[in-house]
């Protein structure tokens, strides 16, 4: 619990995965907290219980294509589902 996450090979991508797994279990941490408190013992002292309050109503309105989508749909491809 006292080993440094980054000295053990952790990096920013792994820290995001740690945060996602912790949040899935209701533990409120952020990537910044992982960087500021890189040991489990330190992180545990600042982690909180997360309660997400998000508005869950119906989404309405226009959703225009982003530029890459516009480019893709502008291509004359015989089988778009085989593009990669």
C-alpha atoms as a PDB file:
ATOM      1  CA  UNK A   1       0.000   0.000   0.000  1.00  0.00           C
ATOM      2  CA  UNK A   2       3.023   2.281   0.332  1.00  0.00           C
ATOM      3  CA  UNK A   3       4.568   1.585  -3.083  1.00  0.00           C
ATOM      4  CA  UNK A   4       4.431   4.447  -5.560  1.00  0.00           C
ATOM      5  CA  UNK A   5       2.059   3.710  -8.467  1.00  0.00           C
ATOM      6  CA  UNK A   6       4.325   5.427 -10.994  1.00  0.00           C
ATOM      7  CA  UNK A   7       7.538   3.832  -9.730  1.00  0.00           C
ATOM      8  CA  UNK A   8       5.869   0.438 -10.258  1.00  0.00           C
ATOM      9  CA  UNK A   9       5.242   1.262 -13.922  1.00  0.00           C
ATOM     10  CA  UNK A  10       1.961   3.139 -13.713  1.00  0.00           C
ATOM     11  CA  UNK A  11       1.312   5.894 -16.232  1.00  0.00           C
ATOM     12  CA  UNK A  12      -1.445   8.325 -17.158  1.00  0.00           C
ATOM     13  CA  UNK A  13      -3.421   5.756 -19.180  1.00  0.00           C
ATOM     14  CA  UNK A  14      -3.288   3.219 -16.353  1.00  0.00           C
ATOM     15  CA  UNK A  15      -4.322   5.913 -13.874  1.00  0.00           C
ATOM     16  CA  UNK A  16      -7.474   6.543 -15.941  1.00  0.00           C
ATOM     17  CA  UNK A  17      -8.228   2.815 -15.827  1.00  0.00           C
ATOM     18  CA  UNK A  18      -7.729   2.809 -12.049  1.00  0.00           C
ATOM     19  CA  UNK A  19     -10.122   5.748 -11.710  1.00  0.00           C
ATOM     20  CA  UNK A  20     -12.737   4.039 -13.892  1.00  0.00           C
ATOM     21  CA  UNK A  21     -12.553   0.810 -11.889  1.00  0.00           C
ATOM     22  CA  UNK A  22     -12.731   2.680  -8.595  1.00  0.00           C
ATOM     23  CA  UNK A  23     -15.732   4.719  -9.752  1.00  0.00           C
ATOM     24  CA  UNK A  24     -17.498   1.534 -10.885  1.00  0.00           C
ATOM     25  CA  UNK A  25     -17.259   0.443  -7.257  1.00  0.00           C
ATOM     26  CA  UNK A  26     -18.468   3.783  -5.889  1.00  0.00           C
ATOM     27  CA  UNK A  27     -15.063   5.169  -4.868  1.00  0.00           C
ATOM     28  CA  UNK A  28     -14.670   8.814  -5.853  1.00  0.00           C
ATOM     29  CA  UNK A  29     -11.177   9.522  -7.141  1.00  0.00           C
ATOM     30  CA  UNK A  30      -9.838  11.474 -10.097  1.00  0.00           C
ATOM     31  CA  UNK A  31      -6.686  11.116 -12.217  1.00  0.00           C
ATOM     32  CA  UNK A  32      -5.346  14.256 -10.503  1.00  0.00           C
ATOM     33  CA  UNK A  33      -5.732  12.583  -7.112  1.00  0.00           C
ATOM     34  CA  UNK A  34      -3.788   9.558  -8.377  1.00  0.00           C
ATOM     35  CA  UNK A  35      -0.963  11.868  -9.470  1.00  0.00           C
ATOM     36  CA  UNK A  36      -1.043  13.865  -6.221  1.00  0.00           C
ATOM     37  CA  UNK A  37      -1.334  10.773  -3.992  1.00  0.00           C
ATOM     38  CA  UNK A  38       0.463   7.934  -5.828  1.00  0.00           C
ATOM     39  CA  UNK A  39       0.317   5.330  -3.052  1.00  0.00           C
ATOM     40  CA  UNK A  40      -2.765   3.367  -2.059  1.00  0.00           C
ATOM     41  CA  UNK A  41      -2.420   4.570   1.530  1.00  0.00           C
ATOM     42  CA  UNK A  42      -2.303   8.237   0.501  1.00  0.00           C
ATOM     43  CA  UNK A  43      -5.056   7.840  -2.079  1.00  0.00           C
ATOM     44  CA  UNK A  44      -7.331   6.127   0.441  1.00  0.00           C
ATOM     45  CA  UNK A  45      -7.025   9.139   2.732  1.00  0.00           C
ATOM     46  CA  UNK A  46      -8.470  11.487   0.089  1.00  0.00           C
ATOM     47  CA  UNK A  47     -10.876   9.190  -1.779  1.00  0.00           C
ATOM     48  CA  UNK A  48     -14.540   9.756  -1.250  1.00  0.00           C
ATOM     49  CA  UNK A  49     -17.750   7.875  -1.756  1.00  0.00           C
ATOM     50  CA  UNK A  50     -19.084   8.913  -5.108  1.00  0.00           C
ATOM     51  CA  UNK A  51     -22.701   9.712  -5.714  1.00  0.00           C
ATOM     52  CA  UNK A  52     -23.485  10.683  -9.284  1.00  0.00           C
ATOM     53  CA  UNK A  53     -26.480  12.907  -9.805  1.00  0.00           C
ATOM     54  CA  UNK A  54     -27.113  13.187 -13.527  1.00  0.00           C
ATOM     55  CA  UNK A  55     -30.175  14.433 -15.336  1.00  0.00           C
ATOM     56  CA  UNK A  56     -31.673  11.470 -17.157  1.00  0.00           C
ATOM     57  CA  UNK A  57     -34.348  13.166 -19.279  1.00  0.00           C
ATOM     58  CA  UNK A  58     -34.952  12.752 -22.986  1.00  0.00           C
ATOM     59  CA  UNK A  59     -32.366  14.433 -25.196  1.00  0.00           C
ATOM     60  CA  UNK A  60     -33.810  16.453 -28.058  1.00  0.00           C
ATOM     61  CA  UNK A  61     -32.441  18.735 -30.724  1.00  0.00           C
ATOM     62  CA  UNK A  62     -30.186  18.640 -33.712  1.00  0.00           C
ATOM     63  CA  UNK A  63     -26.945  16.656 -33.691  1.00  0.00           C
ATOM     64  CA  UNK A  64     -25.009  17.616 -36.815  1.00  0.00           C
ATOM     65  CA  UNK A  65     -22.237  15.421 -38.167  1.00  0.00           C
ATOM     66  CA  UNK A  66     -18.713  16.234 -37.081  1.00  0.00           C
ATOM     67  CA  UNK A  67     -16.197  17.017 -39.853  1.00  0.00           C
ATOM     68  CA  UNK A  68     -14.747  13.507 -40.081  1.00  0.00           C
ATOM     69  CA  UNK A  69     -18.230  12.023 -40.394  1.00  0.00           C
ATOM     70  CA  UNK A  70     -19.101  14.510 -43.123  1.00  0.00           C
ATOM     71  CA  UNK A  71     -15.904  13.564 -44.966  1.00  0.00           C
ATOM     72  CA  UNK A  72     -16.618   9.833 -44.638  1.00  0.00           C
ATOM     73  CA  UNK A  73     -20.213  10.065 -45.829  1.00  0.00           C
ATOM     74  CA  UNK A  74     -19.033  12.234 -48.708  1.00  0.00           C
ATOM     75  CA  UNK A  75     -16.867   9.405 -50.043  1.00  0.00           C
ATOM     76  CA  UNK A  76     -18.260   7.243 -52.841  1.00  0.00           C
ATOM     77  CA  UNK A  77     -17.672   3.862 -51.189  1.00  0.00           C
ATOM     78  CA  UNK A  78     -19.471   0.787 -52.494  1.00  0.00           C
ATOM     79  CA  UNK A  79     -19.398  -0.940 -49.066  1.00  0.00           C
ATOM     80  CA  UNK A  80     -18.946   1.554 -46.222  1.00  0.00           C
ATOM     81  CA  UNK A  81     -19.048  -1.185 -43.607  1.00  0.00           C
ATOM     82  CA  UNK A  82     -15.737  -2.550 -44.965  1.00  0.00           C
ATOM     83  CA  UNK A  83     -13.836   0.743 -44.636  1.00  0.00           C
ATOM     84  CA  UNK A  84     -10.894   0.817 -42.259  1.00  0.00           C
END
